[in-house]
Amino acid sequence: MFELFGEPEEGDFDKTSMEWFLEDNHGNIVYIYDYKSTNLYDNSLPSVEEVKNMKTFDWHIGGRNQENANNLSGFIYKKIL
């Protein structure tokens, strides 16, 4: 993700520690975030820096509708393969 979108914004530190908010030319907003995935949420989980250095990580994708989230997922899939 970092190669595609750069450094993420800080999350709310309640359940997310980092996130990207993306908007296309049509005003569709989607976001990529970690969810309950770092030691900021649970001490037994990896740190934010450890997550940033992982070769693979299961990010969450959200949006205002499923189509927008699916479009982003497809874009990411094409870029990383």
N, C-alpha and C. Protein backbone atom coordinates (compact mmCIF):
# COMPACT_ATOMS: atom_id res chain seq x y z
N MET A 1 0.81 -1.19 0.00
CA MET A 1 0.00 0.00 0.00
C MET A 1 0.85 1.26 0.00
N PHE A 2 1.93 1.21 0.74
CA PHE A 2 2.78 2.40 0.88
C PHE A 2 3.37 2.81 -0.46
N GLU A 3 3.69 1.83 -1.31
CA GLU A 3 4.24 2.13 -2.62
C GLU A 3 3.20 2.81 -3.52
N LEU A 4 1.95 2.44 -3.36
CA LEU A 4 0.88 3.00 -4.17
C LEU A 4 0.38 4.35 -3.67
N PHE A 5 0.25 4.49 -2.36
CA PHE A 5 -0.44 5.65 -1.81
C PHE A 5 0.39 6.52 -0.87
N GLY A 6 1.66 6.17 -0.65
CA GLY A 6 2.50 6.96 0.23
C GLY A 6 2.20 6.70 1.70
N GLU A 7 2.60 7.62 2.53
CA GLU A 7 2.38 7.47 3.96
C GLU A 7 0.90 7.70 4.30
N PRO A 8 0.34 6.85 5.15
CA PRO A 8 -1.05 7.03 5.54
C PRO A 8 -1.20 8.15 6.58
N GLU A 9 -2.42 8.58 6.76
CA GLU A 9 -2.75 9.49 7.85
C GLU A 9 -2.83 8.68 9.13
N GLU A 10 -2.70 9.34 10.26
CA GLU A 10 -2.89 8.65 11.52
C GLU A 10 -4.37 8.32 11.67
N GLY A 11 -4.65 7.17 12.25
CA GLY A 11 -6.03 6.77 12.51
C GLY A 11 -6.53 7.43 13.77
N ASP A 12 -7.67 6.96 14.23
CA ASP A 12 -8.26 7.54 15.44
C ASP A 12 -7.67 6.93 16.71
N PHE A 13 -6.81 5.95 16.56
CA PHE A 13 -6.13 5.26 17.65
C PHE A 13 -7.07 4.53 18.59
N ASP A 14 -8.35 4.52 18.26
CA ASP A 14 -9.28 3.71 19.02
C ASP A 14 -9.28 2.30 18.44
N LYS A 15 -9.56 2.22 17.14
CA LYS A 15 -9.57 0.92 16.48
C LYS A 15 -8.69 0.91 15.23
N THR A 16 -8.23 2.07 14.79
CA THR A 16 -7.33 2.15 13.65
C THR A 16 -6.14 3.00 14.02
N SER A 17 -4.98 2.66 13.46
CA SER A 17 -3.78 3.46 13.73
C SER A 17 -3.31 4.19 12.49
N MET A 18 -3.72 3.74 11.30
CA MET A 18 -3.34 4.41 10.07
C MET A 18 -4.40 4.16 9.00
N GLU A 19 -4.55 5.15 8.10
CA GLU A 19 -5.58 5.04 7.08
C GLU A 19 -5.30 5.99 5.93
N TRP A 20 -5.80 5.62 4.76
CA TRP A 20 -5.75 6.47 3.57
C TRP A 20 -7.19 6.78 3.19
N PHE A 21 -7.49 8.05 2.92
CA PHE A 21 -8.78 8.45 2.36
C PHE A 21 -8.54 8.86 0.93
N LEU A 22 -9.24 8.24 0.01
CA LEU A 22 -9.02 8.47 -1.42
C LEU A 22 -10.32 8.93 -2.06
N GLU A 23 -10.21 9.90 -2.96
CA GLU A 23 -11.38 10.39 -3.67
C GLU A 23 -11.07 10.43 -5.17
N ASP A 24 -11.99 9.92 -5.99
CA ASP A 24 -11.77 9.94 -7.43
C ASP A 24 -12.33 11.23 -8.04
N ASN A 25 -12.25 11.34 -9.35
CA ASN A 25 -12.71 12.55 -10.06
C ASN A 25 -14.21 12.77 -9.97
N HIS A 26 -14.94 11.77 -9.54
CA HIS A 26 -16.40 11.86 -9.45
C HIS A 26 -16.87 12.09 -8.01
N GLY A 27 -15.94 12.29 -7.10
CA GLY A 27 -16.30 12.52 -5.70
C GLY A 27 -16.56 11.26 -4.90
N ASN A 28 -16.27 10.09 -5.48
CA ASN A 28 -16.44 8.84 -4.75
C ASN A 28 -15.30 8.69 -3.75
N ILE A 29 -15.64 8.44 -2.51
CA ILE A 29 -14.64 8.33 -1.45
C ILE A 29 -14.53 6.88 -1.00
N VAL A 30 -13.30 6.41 -0.91
CA VAL A 30 -13.00 5.10 -0.36
C VAL A 30 -11.83 5.25 0.60
N TYR A 31 -11.69 4.33 1.48
CA TYR A 31 -10.59 4.40 2.42
C TYR A 31 -10.02 3.02 2.69
N ILE A 32 -8.75 3.03 3.03
CA ILE A 32 -7.99 1.82 3.36
C ILE A 32 -7.50 2.02 4.78
N TYR A 33 -7.64 1.02 5.61
CA TYR A 33 -7.27 1.20 7.01
C TYR A 33 -6.93 -0.13 7.67
N ASP A 34 -6.15 -0.02 8.73
CA ASP A 34 -5.96 -1.19 9.58
C ASP A 34 -7.11 -1.16 10.59
N TYR A 35 -7.52 -2.26 11.06
CA TYR A 35 -8.63 -2.30 12.02
C TYR A 35 -8.27 -3.26 13.14
N LYS A 36 -8.11 -2.70 14.30
CA LYS A 36 -7.77 -3.52 15.47
C LYS A 36 -6.56 -4.41 15.18
N SER A 37 -5.53 -3.82 14.54
CA SER A 37 -4.41 -4.62 14.04
C SER A 37 -3.07 -4.30 14.65
N THR A 38 -2.99 -3.29 15.52
CA THR A 38 -1.69 -2.92 16.09
C THR A 38 -1.76 -2.87 17.61
N ASN A 39 -0.60 -2.71 18.21
CA ASN A 39 -0.54 -2.67 19.66
C ASN A 39 -1.18 -1.41 20.26
N LEU A 40 -1.58 -0.46 19.42
CA LEU A 40 -2.35 0.68 19.92
C LEU A 40 -3.75 0.25 20.33
N TYR A 41 -4.20 -0.86 19.77
CA TYR A 41 -5.50 -1.42 20.13
C TYR A 41 -5.35 -2.54 21.17
N ASP A 42 -4.36 -3.40 20.97
CA ASP A 42 -4.15 -4.56 21.84
C ASP A 42 -2.64 -4.79 21.95
N ASN A 43 -2.12 -4.80 23.15
CA ASN A 43 -0.68 -4.92 23.38
C ASN A 43 -0.07 -6.20 22.81
N SER A 44 -0.87 -7.21 22.54
CA SER A 44 -0.33 -8.46 22.01
C SER A 44 -0.11 -8.39 20.49
N LEU A 45 -0.56 -7.33 19.85
CA LEU A 45 -0.44 -7.18 18.40
C LEU A 45 0.84 -6.44 18.03
N PRO A 46 1.26 -6.51 16.76
CA PRO A 46 2.50 -5.82 16.35
C PRO A 46 2.35 -4.29 16.43
N SER A 47 3.49 -3.62 16.50
CA SER A 47 3.49 -2.16 16.53
C SER A 47 3.15 -1.61 15.15
N VAL A 48 2.85 -0.32 15.09
CA VAL A 48 2.58 0.33 13.81
C VAL A 48 3.79 0.18 12.89
N GLU A 49 4.97 0.40 13.40
CA GLU A 49 6.19 0.27 12.59
C GLU A 49 6.38 -1.15 12.09
N GLU A 50 6.07 -2.14 12.93
CA GLU A 50 6.18 -3.53 12.47
C GLU A 50 5.20 -3.81 11.33
N VAL A 51 3.99 -3.30 11.45
CA VAL A 51 3.01 -3.47 10.38
C VAL A 51 3.51 -2.80 9.10
N LYS A 52 4.04 -1.60 9.22
CA LYS A 52 4.54 -0.88 8.04
C LYS A 52 5.66 -1.65 7.34
N ASN A 53 6.40 -2.46 8.06
CA ASN A 53 7.51 -3.21 7.48
C ASN A 53 7.15 -4.62 7.04
N MET A 54 5.91 -5.03 7.26
CA MET A 54 5.49 -6.37 6.85
C MET A 54 5.39 -6.44 5.33
N LYS A 55 5.79 -7.58 4.78
CA LYS A 55 5.68 -7.77 3.33
C LYS A 55 4.22 -7.93 2.90
N THR A 56 3.42 -8.55 3.74
CA THR A 56 1.98 -8.69 3.46
C THR A 56 1.20 -8.29 4.70
N PHE A 57 0.02 -7.78 4.47
CA PHE A 57 -0.85 -7.35 5.56
C PHE A 57 -2.28 -7.29 5.02
N ASP A 58 -3.23 -7.71 5.81
CA ASP A 58 -4.64 -7.68 5.41
C ASP A 58 -5.25 -6.34 5.78
N TRP A 59 -5.30 -5.42 4.80
CA TRP A 59 -5.91 -4.11 5.00
C TRP A 59 -7.42 -4.21 4.83
N HIS A 60 -8.13 -3.28 5.42
CA HIS A 60 -9.58 -3.18 5.24
C HIS A 60 -9.86 -2.06 4.25
N ILE A 61 -10.85 -2.27 3.40
CA ILE A 61 -11.26 -1.26 2.42
C ILE A 61 -12.72 -0.94 2.67
N GLY A 62 -13.02 0.34 2.74
CA GLY A 62 -14.40 0.77 2.94
C GLY A 62 -14.76 1.87 1.99
N GLY A 63 -16.02 2.12 1.87
CA GLY A 63 -16.50 3.18 1.00
C GLY A 63 -17.97 3.43 1.25
N ARG A 64 -18.49 4.38 0.52
CA ARG A 64 -19.91 4.72 0.67
C ARG A 64 -20.81 3.67 0.06
N ASN A 65 -20.24 2.90 -0.86
CA ASN A 65 -21.00 1.79 -1.42
C ASN A 65 -20.05 0.68 -1.84
N GLN A 66 -20.58 -0.48 -2.03
CA GLN A 66 -19.77 -1.66 -2.34
C GLN A 66 -19.04 -1.52 -3.66
N GLU A 67 -19.67 -0.90 -4.64
CA GLU A 67 -19.04 -0.75 -5.95
C GLU A 67 -17.73 0.03 -5.85
N ASN A 68 -17.73 1.12 -5.11
CA ASN A 68 -16.51 1.92 -4.96
C ASN A 68 -15.41 1.12 -4.27
N ALA A 69 -15.76 0.40 -3.23
CA ALA A 69 -14.77 -0.43 -2.54
C ALA A 69 -14.24 -1.53 -3.47
N ASN A 70 -15.12 -2.13 -4.25
CA ASN A 70 -14.69 -3.16 -5.20
C ASN A 70 -13.76 -2.59 -6.27
N ASN A 71 -14.08 -1.39 -6.76
CA ASN A 71 -13.22 -0.75 -7.76
C ASN A 71 -11.82 -0.51 -7.21
N LEU A 72 -11.73 -0.03 -5.98
CA LEU A 72 -10.42 0.19 -5.37
C LEU A 72 -9.69 -1.13 -5.19
N SER A 73 -10.39 -2.12 -4.72
CA SER A 73 -9.78 -3.44 -4.53
C SER A 73 -9.23 -3.97 -5.85
N GLY A 74 -10.00 -3.83 -6.92
CA GLY A 74 -9.54 -4.27 -8.24
C GLY A 74 -8.33 -3.49 -8.71
N PHE A 75 -8.31 -2.19 -8.49
CA PHE A 75 -7.17 -1.35 -8.86
C PHE A 75 -5.92 -1.81 -8.12
N ILE A 76 -6.02 -2.02 -6.83
CA ILE A 76 -4.89 -2.45 -6.02
C ILE A 76 -4.39 -3.81 -6.52
N TYR A 77 -5.31 -4.72 -6.75
CA TYR A 77 -4.95 -6.07 -7.19
C TYR A 77 -4.16 -6.02 -8.50
N LYS A 78 -4.59 -5.19 -9.45
CA LYS A 78 -3.89 -5.06 -10.72
C LYS A 78 -2.50 -4.47 -10.53
N LYS A 79 -2.35 -3.54 -9.61
CA LYS A 79 -1.07 -2.85 -9.42
C LYS A 79 -0.03 -3.73 -8.74
N ILE A 80 -0.47 -4.63 -7.86
CA ILE A 80 0.51 -5.41 -7.09
C ILE A 80 0.86 -6.73 -7.75
N LEU A 81 0.14 -7.12 -8.77
CA LEU A 81 0.47 -8.39 -9.44
C LEU A 81 1.37 -8.19 -10.62
